[in-house]
C-alpha atoms as a PDB file:
ATOM      1  CA  MET A   1       0.102   0.045   0.210  1.00  0.00           C
ATOM      2  CA  ARG A   2       2.979   2.222   0.937  1.00  0.00           C
ATOM      3  CA  ASP A   3       4.161   2.015  -2.841  1.00  0.00           C
ATOM      4  CA  SER A   4       0.959   2.245  -4.449  1.00  0.00           C
ATOM      5  CA  VAL A   5       0.142   5.425  -2.552  1.00  0.00           C
ATOM      6  CA  THR A   6       2.983   7.271  -3.093  1.00  0.00           C
ATOM      7  CA  LYS A   7       3.534   6.348  -6.953  1.00  0.00           C
ATOM      8  CA  LYS A   8       0.279   8.110  -7.740  1.00  0.00           C
ATOM      9  CA  PHE A   9       1.421  11.029  -6.760  1.00  0.00           C
ATOM     10  CA  GLU A  10       5.160  11.204  -7.953  1.00  0.00           C
ATOM     11  CA  GLY A  11       5.800  14.460 -10.106  1.00  0.00           C
ATOM     12  CA  GLY A  12       3.729  17.132 -10.478  1.00  0.00           C
ATOM     13  CA  ALA A  13       0.162  17.808  -9.482  1.00  0.00           C
ATOM     14  CA  LEU A  14      -1.268  16.384  -6.368  1.00  0.00           C
ATOM     15  CA  PHE A  15      -4.258  14.892  -7.960  1.00  0.00           C
ATOM     16  CA  ASP A  16      -5.758  15.170 -11.121  1.00  0.00           C
ATOM     17  CA  ILE A  17      -9.511  17.164 -10.187  1.00  0.00           C
ATOM     18  CA  GLU A  18     -11.363  16.233 -13.303  1.00  0.00           C
ATOM     19  CA  SER A  19     -10.159  12.026 -13.719  1.00  0.00           C
ATOM     20  CA  PRO A  20     -12.671   9.538 -13.462  1.00  0.00           C
ATOM     21  CA  MET A  21     -11.234   9.070  -9.533  1.00  0.00           C
ATOM     22  CA  ALA A  22     -12.061  12.324  -8.562  1.00  0.00           C
ATOM     23  CA  ILE A  23     -15.057  12.347 -10.544  1.00  0.00           C
ATOM     24  CA  GLU A  24     -16.418   9.104  -8.206  1.00  0.00           C
ATOM     25  CA  LEU A  25     -15.311  10.909  -4.957  1.00  0.00           C
ATOM     26  CA  ARG A  26     -17.176  13.794  -5.635  1.00  0.00           C
ATOM     27  CA  ARG A  27     -20.355  12.055  -6.020  1.00  0.00           C
ATOM     28  CA  ILE A  28     -19.470   9.902  -2.918  1.00  0.00           C
ATOM     29  CA  MET A  29     -18.862  13.963  -1.065  1.00  0.00           C
ATOM     30  CA  ILE A  30     -22.672  14.809  -2.758  1.00  0.00           C
ATOM     31  CA  ARG A  31     -24.085  11.756  -1.429  1.00  0.00           C
ATOM     32  CA  LEU A  32     -22.662  12.224   1.786  1.00  0.00           C
ATOM     33  CA  SER A  33     -23.879  15.413   2.462  1.00  0.00           C
ATOM     34  CA  ARG A  34     -27.274  14.012   1.905  1.00  0.00           C
ATOM     35  CA  SER A  35     -26.878  12.351   5.849  1.00  0.00           C
ATOM     36  CA  LEU A  36     -24.144  14.603   6.901  1.00  0.00           C
ATOM     37  CA  ASP A  37     -23.997  18.706   7.312  1.00  0.00           C
ATOM     38  CA  LEU A  38     -20.857  19.541   5.322  1.00  0.00           C
ATOM     39  CA  ASP A  39     -20.607  23.287   6.717  1.00  0.00           C
ATOM     40  CA  SER A  40     -20.230  22.195  10.466  1.00  0.00           C
ATOM     41  CA  LYS A  41     -17.339  20.621  12.370  1.00  0.00           C
ATOM     42  CA  LEU A  42     -17.245  16.896  11.528  1.00  0.00           C
ATOM     43  CA  CYS A  43     -14.515  14.177  11.704  1.00  0.00           C
ATOM     44  CA  LEU A  44     -14.579  10.880   9.423  1.00  0.00           C
ATOM     45  CA  MET A  45     -12.867   7.779   9.889  1.00  0.00           C
ATOM     46  CA  VAL A  46     -11.699   5.785   6.542  1.00  0.00           C
ATOM     47  CA  THR A  47     -11.020   2.602   8.031  1.00  0.00           C
ATOM     48  CA  SER A  48     -11.375  -1.071   6.375  1.00  0.00           C
ATOM     49  CA  ALA A  49     -11.772  -4.874   7.593  1.00  0.00           C
ATOM     50  CA  GLU A  50      -7.651  -5.648   6.725  1.00  0.00           C
ATOM     51  CA  ARG A  51      -4.585  -4.040   4.862  1.00  0.00           C
ATOM     52  CA  GLY A  52      -4.346  -3.524   1.189  1.00  0.00           C
ATOM     53  CA  GLU A  53      -8.225  -2.607   1.005  1.00  0.00           C
ATOM     54  CA  GLY A  54      -6.800   0.862  -0.602  1.00  0.00           C
ATOM     55  CA  LYS A  55      -7.755   2.808   2.769  1.00  0.00           C
ATOM     56  CA  SER A  56      -5.026   5.103   3.176  1.00  0.00           C
ATOM     57  CA  LEU A  57      -5.305   5.880  -0.846  1.00  0.00           C
ATOM     58  CA  PHE A  58      -9.280   6.637  -0.612  1.00  0.00           C
ATOM     59  CA  ALA A  59      -8.463   9.116   2.254  1.00  0.00           C
ATOM     60  CA  LEU A  60      -5.649  11.093   0.674  1.00  0.00           C
ATOM     61  CA  GLN A  61      -8.213  11.500  -2.551  1.00  0.00           C
ATOM     62  CA  PHE A  62     -11.106  12.368  -0.367  1.00  0.00           C
ATOM     63  CA  SER A  63      -9.134  14.948   1.424  1.00  0.00           C
ATOM     64  CA  LEU A  64      -7.949  16.560  -1.543  1.00  0.00           C
ATOM     65  CA  VAL A  65     -11.424  16.360  -3.488  1.00  0.00           C
ATOM     66  CA  LEU A  66     -13.541  17.809   0.126  1.00  0.00           C
ATOM     67  CA  ALA A  67     -10.764  20.615   0.241  1.00  0.00           C
ATOM     68  CA  TYR A  68     -10.831  21.773  -3.822  1.00  0.00           C
ATOM     69  CA  HIS A  69     -15.012  21.834  -3.611  1.00  0.00           C
ATOM     70  CA  LEU A  70     -15.374  23.069  -0.182  1.00  0.00           C
ATOM     71  CA  THR A  71     -14.249  26.502   1.141  1.00  0.00           C
ATOM     72  CA  GLN A  72     -13.858  24.410   4.530  1.00  0.00           C
ATOM     73  CA  GLN A  73     -10.601  23.798   6.383  1.00  0.00           C
ATOM     74  CA  ILE A  74      -9.758  20.446   5.723  1.00  0.00           C
ATOM     75  CA  LEU A  75      -7.214  18.433   7.930  1.00  0.00           C
ATOM     76  CA  LEU A  76      -6.180  15.171   7.003  1.00  0.00           C
ATOM     77  CA  ILE A  77      -4.697  12.976  10.005  1.00  0.00           C
ATOM     78  CA  ASP A  78      -2.395   9.829   9.676  1.00  0.00           C
ATOM     79  CA  ALA A  79      -4.086   8.076  12.495  1.00  0.00           C
ATOM     80  CA  ASP A  80      -2.228   4.368  11.763  1.00  0.00           C
ATOM     81  CA  VAL A  81       0.374   5.010  13.946  1.00  0.00           C
ATOM     82  CA  ARG A  82       1.377   1.909  13.606  1.00  0.00           C
ATOM     83  CA  ARG A  83       1.879   1.431  10.265  1.00  0.00           C
ATOM     84  CA  PRO A  84       1.881   5.105   8.703  1.00  0.00           C
ATOM     85  CA  VAL A  85       2.079   6.092   5.144  1.00  0.00           C
ATOM     86  CA  GLN A  86       0.745   8.958   4.387  1.00  0.00           C
ATOM     87  CA  HIS A  87       3.984  11.417   5.590  1.00  0.00           C
ATOM     88  CA  THR A  88       5.882   9.627   2.570  1.00  0.00           C
ATOM     89  CA  VAL A  89       2.923  11.347  -0.124  1.00  0.00           C
ATOM     90  CA  PHE A  90       3.720  14.967   1.124  1.00  0.00           C
ATOM     91  CA  ASN A  91       7.631  14.367   1.847  1.00  0.00           C
ATOM     92  CA  VAL A  92       7.650  15.115   5.082  1.00  0.00           C
ATOM     93  CA  SER A  93       8.765  13.581   8.729  1.00  0.00           C
ATOM     94  CA  CYS A  94       6.581  11.124  10.452  1.00  0.00           C
ATOM     95  CA  SER A  95       7.359  12.747  14.165  1.00  0.00           C
ATOM     96  CA  PRO A  96       6.211  15.156  15.418  1.00  0.00           C
ATOM     97  CA  GLY A  97       2.922  13.859  14.737  1.00  0.00           C
ATOM     98  CA  LEU A  98      -0.625  12.388  16.711  1.00  0.00           C
ATOM     99  CA  ALA A  99       1.419   9.991  18.543  1.00  0.00           C
ATOM    100  CA  ASP A 100       3.828  12.156  19.798  1.00  0.00           C
ATOM    101  CA  TYR A 101       0.485  14.629  20.581  1.00  0.00           C
ATOM    102  CA  LEU A 102      -1.422  11.748  22.708  1.00  0.00           C
ATOM    103  CA  ALA A 103       1.999  10.685  24.480  1.00  0.00           C
ATOM    104  CA  THR A 104       2.180  13.946  26.636  1.00  0.00           C
ATOM    105  CA  SER A 105      -0.116  14.662  29.375  1.00  0.00           C
ATOM    106  CA  GLU A 106      -0.074  18.182  28.285  1.00  0.00           C
ATOM    107  CA  PRO A 107      -0.875  19.617  25.235  1.00  0.00           C
ATOM    108  CA  ASP A 108       1.976  19.700  22.651  1.00  0.00           C
ATOM    109  CA  GLN A 109       2.230  23.215  21.211  1.00  0.00           C
ATOM    110  CA  SER A 110       5.042  21.667  18.925  1.00  0.00           C
ATOM    111  CA  VAL A 111       2.657  19.210  17.198  1.00  0.00           C
ATOM    112  CA  LYS A 112       1.290  21.369  14.541  1.00  0.00           C
ATOM    113  CA  ALA A 113      -1.097  20.363  11.109  1.00  0.00           C
ATOM    114  CA  LEU A 114       1.450  21.068   8.369  1.00  0.00           C
ATOM    115  CA  PRO A 115       0.138  23.144   5.128  1.00  0.00           C
ATOM    116  CA  THR A 116       0.347  21.311   1.803  1.00  0.00           C
ATOM    117  CA  ARG A 117       0.275  22.143  -1.669  1.00  0.00           C
ATOM    118  CA  VAL A 118      -3.665  22.410  -1.358  1.00  0.00           C
ATOM    119  CA  PRO A 119      -4.335  26.187   0.519  1.00  0.00           C
ATOM    120  CA  ASN A 120      -7.189  24.541   2.850  1.00  0.00           C
ATOM    121  CA  LEU A 121      -5.796  21.386   3.308  1.00  0.00           C
ATOM    122  CA  LYS A 122      -3.568  20.502   6.208  1.00  0.00           C
ATOM    123  CA  PHE A 123      -2.078  17.241   7.523  1.00  0.00           C
ATOM    124  CA  LEU A 124      -1.072  15.760  10.722  1.00  0.00           C
ATOM    125  CA  PRO A 125       1.654  12.823  10.576  1.00  0.00           C
ATOM    126  CA  ALA A 126       1.196  10.012  12.691  1.00  0.00           C
ATOM    127  CA  GLY A 127       4.397  10.150  14.988  1.00  0.00           C
ATOM    128  CA  VAL A 128       6.009   7.979  16.405  1.00  0.00           C
ATOM    129  CA  ILE A 129       4.253   5.369  18.498  1.00  0.00           C
ATOM    130  CA  GLY A 130       7.017   4.011  21.274  1.00  0.00           C
ATOM    131  CA  SER A 131       7.250   0.528  22.613  1.00  0.00           C
ATOM    132  CA  HIS A 132       3.694   0.425  23.748  1.00  0.00           C
ATOM    133  CA  PRO A 133       1.412   1.740  21.362  1.00  0.00           C
ATOM    134  CA  SER A 134      -1.700   1.092  23.125  1.00  0.00           C
ATOM    135  CA  ARG A 135      -0.995   2.948  26.008  1.00  0.00           C
ATOM    136  CA  LEU A 136      -1.445   6.210  23.576  1.00  0.00           C
ATOM    137  CA  PHE A 137      -5.342   5.506  23.775  1.00  0.00           C
ATOM    138  CA  SER A 138      -5.903   4.341  27.613  1.00  0.00           C
ATOM    139  CA  SER A 139      -5.986   7.972  28.472  1.00  0.00           C
ATOM    140  CA  GLY A 140      -8.664   8.871  26.924  1.00  0.00           C
ATOM    141  CA  ARG A 141      -6.721  11.736  25.433  1.00  0.00           C
ATOM    142  CA  PHE A 142      -8.140  11.020  21.624  1.00  0.00           C
ATOM    143  CA  PRO A 143     -11.304  12.829  21.910  1.00  0.00           C
ATOM    144  CA  ALA A 144      -9.400  15.967  23.367  1.00  0.00           C
ATOM    145  CA  ALA A 145      -6.744  15.818  20.713  1.00  0.00           C
ATOM    146  CA  ILE A 146      -9.547  15.678  18.110  1.00  0.00           C
ATOM    147  CA  ARG A 147     -11.630  18.210  19.599  1.00  0.00           C
ATOM    148  CA  HIS A 148      -7.945  20.687  19.926  1.00  0.00           C
ATOM    149  CA  PHE A 149      -7.180  20.355  16.419  1.00  0.00           C
ATOM    150  CA  GLN A 150     -10.700  20.795  14.780  1.00  0.00           C
ATOM    151  CA  GLN A 151     -10.072  24.271  16.481  1.00  0.00           C
ATOM    152  CA  ASP A 152      -8.539  25.566  13.541  1.00  0.00           C
ATOM    153  CA  HIS A 153     -10.336  22.696  10.948  1.00  0.00           C
ATOM    154  CA  ASP A 154     -13.809  22.321   9.910  1.00  0.00           C
ATOM    155  CA  ILE A 155     -13.595  18.388   8.642  1.00  0.00           C
ATOM    156  CA  VAL A 156     -11.162  16.147  10.303  1.00  0.00           C
ATOM    157  CA  ILE A 157     -10.250  12.566   8.148  1.00  0.00           C
ATOM    158  CA  LEU A 158      -8.675  10.079   9.548  1.00  0.00           C
ATOM    159  CA  ASP A 159      -6.873   7.328   8.030  1.00  0.00           C
ATOM    160  CA  ALA A 160      -7.297   4.343  10.487  1.00  0.00           C
ATOM    161  CA  PRO A 161      -5.871   1.416  10.574  1.00  0.00           C
ATOM    162  CA  PRO A 162      -8.044  -1.642   9.554  1.00  0.00           C
ATOM    163  CA  VAL A 163     -10.313  -3.181  12.675  1.00  0.00           C
ATOM    164  CA  VAL A 164      -9.504  -6.928  12.321  1.00  0.00           C
ATOM    165  CA  PRO A 165      -5.618  -6.160  13.298  1.00  0.00           C
ATOM    166  CA  VAL A 166      -5.727  -4.019  15.623  1.00  0.00           C
ATOM    167  CA  SER A 167      -8.359  -2.487  18.002  1.00  0.00           C
ATOM    168  CA  ASP A 168      -6.964   1.447  17.816  1.00  0.00           C
ATOM    169  CA  PRO A 169      -9.568   1.978  15.246  1.00  0.00           C
ATOM    170  CA  LEU A 170     -12.085   1.516  18.450  1.00  0.00           C
ATOM    171  CA  HIS A 171     -10.814   4.200  20.441  1.00  0.00           C
ATOM    172  CA  TYR A 172     -11.302   6.732  17.870  1.00  0.00           C
ATOM    173  CA  VAL A 173     -15.010   5.975  17.777  1.00  0.00           C
ATOM    174  CA  GLU A 174     -15.781   7.832  20.266  1.00  0.00           C
ATOM    175  CA  ALA A 175     -14.369  11.098  18.591  1.00  0.00           C
ATOM    176  CA  VAL A 176     -16.043  10.561  15.287  1.00  0.00           C
ATOM    177  CA  ASP A 177     -19.023  11.485  13.138  1.00  0.00           C
ATOM    178  CA  GLY A 178     -19.184   8.735  11.188  1.00  0.00           C
ATOM    179  CA  VAL A 179     -17.268   6.261   9.502  1.00  0.00           C
ATOM    180  CA  LEU A 180     -16.660   4.838   6.160  1.00  0.00           C
ATOM    181  CA  PHE A 181     -15.487   1.548   5.294  1.00  0.00           C
ATOM    182  CA  LEU A 182     -13.630   0.326   2.593  1.00  0.00           C
ATOM    183  CA  VAL A 183     -13.304  -2.810   0.797  1.00  0.00           C
ATOM    184  CA  MET A 184     -11.921  -4.674  -1.781  1.00  0.00           C
ATOM    185  CA  ALA A 185     -14.216  -5.575  -4.593  1.00  0.00           C
ATOM    186  CA  GLY A 186     -13.450  -8.963  -5.754  1.00  0.00           C
ATOM    187  CA  HIS A 187     -10.483  -9.337  -2.794  1.00  0.00           C
ATOM    188  CA  THR A 188     -12.703  -8.378   0.642  1.00  0.00           C
ATOM    189  CA  SER A 189     -14.312 -11.732   1.254  1.00  0.00           C
ATOM    190  CA  ARG A 190     -18.147 -11.510   2.819  1.00  0.00           C
ATOM    191  CA  ASP A 191     -16.960 -12.907   6.016  1.00  0.00           C
ATOM    192  CA  LEU A 192     -14.547 -10.507   6.622  1.00  0.00           C
ATOM    193  CA  ALA A 193     -16.183  -7.783   6.058  1.00  0.00           C
ATOM    194  CA  LEU A 194     -18.946  -8.633   8.121  1.00  0.00           C
ATOM    195  CA  ARG A 195     -16.198  -9.316  10.566  1.00  0.00           C
ATOM    196  CA  GLY A 196     -14.973  -5.419  10.243  1.00  0.00           C
ATOM    197  CA  VAL A 197     -18.572  -4.472  10.486  1.00  0.00           C
ATOM    198  CA  GLU A 198     -19.688  -6.207  13.796  1.00  0.00           C
ATOM    199  CA  ILE A 199     -16.395  -4.888  15.098  1.00  0.00           C
ATOM    200  CA  LEU A 200     -17.531  -1.097  14.894  1.00  0.00           C
ATOM    201  CA  ARG A 201     -21.184  -2.194  15.688  1.00  0.00           C
ATOM    202  CA  SER A 202     -19.867  -3.485  19.109  1.00  0.00           C
ATOM    203  CA  VAL A 203     -18.760   0.185  20.043  1.00  0.00           C
ATOM    204  CA  ASP A 204     -21.877   1.518  18.395  1.00  0.00           C
ATOM    205  CA  ALA A 205     -19.755   3.307  15.707  1.00  0.00           C
ATOM    206  CA  LYS A 206     -22.201   5.415  12.870  1.00  0.00           C
ATOM    207  CA  ILE A 207     -21.047   3.467   9.343  1.00  0.00           C
ATOM    208  CA  LEU A 208     -21.903   5.689   6.933  1.00  0.00           C
ATOM    209  CA  GLY A 209     -21.417   3.697   4.198  1.00  0.00           C
ATOM    210  CA  VAL A 210     -19.241   0.921   2.377  1.00  0.00           C
ATOM    211  CA  ILE A 211     -16.558   2.531  -0.584  1.00  0.00           C
ATOM    212  CA  ALA A 212     -16.150  -0.397  -2.524  1.00  0.00           C
ATOM    213  CA  ASN A 213     -12.453  -0.061  -4.518  1.00  0.00           C
ATOM    214  CA  ASN A 214     -12.724  -2.065  -7.852  1.00  0.00           C
ATOM    215  CA  LEU A 215      -9.320  -4.579  -8.402  1.00  0.00           C
ATOM    216  CA  GLY A 216      -7.641  -1.992 -10.543  1.00  0.00           C
ATOM    217  CA  GLU A 217      -7.431   0.817  -7.737  1.00  0.00           C
ATOM    218  CA  VAL A 218      -9.314   3.062 -10.620  1.00  0.00           C
ATOM    219  CA  LEU A 219     -12.774   3.895  -8.914  1.00  0.00           C
ATOM    220  CA  PRO A 220     -14.338   3.527  -5.552  1.00  0.00           C
ATOM    221  CA  TYR A 221     -17.724   3.024  -5.433  1.00  0.00           C
ATOM    222  CA  TYR A 222     -20.092   4.090  -2.516  1.00  0.00           C
ATOM    223  CA  TYR A 223     -22.637   1.930  -1.069  1.00  0.00           C
ATOM    224  CA  ASP A 224     -25.161   2.597   1.552  1.00  0.00           C
ATOM    225  CA  LYS A 225     -25.572   0.495   4.762  1.00  0.00           C
ATOM    226  CA  LYS A 226     -27.527  -2.196   3.243  1.00  0.00           C
ATOM    227  CA  TYR A 227     -23.983  -3.588   1.122  1.00  0.00           C
ATOM    228  CA  TYR A 228     -23.003  -6.771   2.575  1.00  0.00           C
ATOM    229  CA  GLY A 229     -26.025  -6.928   4.601  1.00  0.00           C
ATOM    230  CA  TYR A 230     -25.496  -5.860   7.739  1.00  0.00           C
ATOM    231  CA  HIS A 231     -28.358  -3.633   8.020  1.00  0.00           C
ATOM    232  CA  LYS A 232     -31.050  -4.694  10.618  1.00  0.00           C
ATOM    233  CA  GLU A 233     -34.458  -5.080   9.386  1.00  0.00           C
ATOM    234  CA  ARG A 234     -37.034  -3.460  10.978  1.00  0.00           C
ATOM    235  CA  GLY A 235     -38.487  -5.524  13.862  1.00  0.00           C
ATOM    236  CA  ASN A 236     -36.252  -8.126  13.382  1.00  0.00           C
ATOM    237  CA  SER A 237     -32.604  -8.493  14.912  1.00  0.00           C
ATOM    238  CA  ASN A 238     -31.375 -11.119  12.854  1.00  0.00           C
ATOM    239  CA  ARG A 239     -28.483  -9.954  10.151  1.00  0.00           C
ATOM    240  CA  SER A 240     -30.086  -9.978   6.858  1.00  0.00           C
ATOM    241  CA  THR A 241     -28.610 -11.431   4.019  1.00  0.00           C
END
């Protein structure tokens, strides 16, 4: 995934805003605007069931589309602190970043969002996790960290780890307004996708929808909460198929 993300942004402009990918992402933005007030303060988490689903590339490009088409200040946070990748795209150091901010008992003023080539898009690297990454979240400082960074930004996009291998994203749920769940078409099994959804639902995550990447990583497709049959029918507690 590191190579696939980086190769997309070698050379000139960060993003072709009229590319087929950008058009699909714009459609996703429009569909989300039906259920979310994009003019208000928001924090959205992008995750998947396992690695290799394209979540980091989607989080990056979706942040760019939001920045191009909205007047709000957008912040992309690399919240995959165990295996960060976004700093390689922006060609900046991984630290100081999110993990460094969470590791201190008092707000670390040296941890600041970095400007990008897009005027209203900033980026916060993952930071350095140290030898006990799970301790970063035990203090419950993550929601406070998000509130801190929302002071100067309107929409925060979290590039979170996958939910099946690690528990980190569950600590993020309290601070976010919704979750975008990625699957790879033709790759992610139904059972694995359902397992990821069940993990998110166990902490009452608000899953806004499913983004299905195709195998060529060319176009993402947005599905509502009925995709993969993980919604609950009215009056029936069983999962539909």
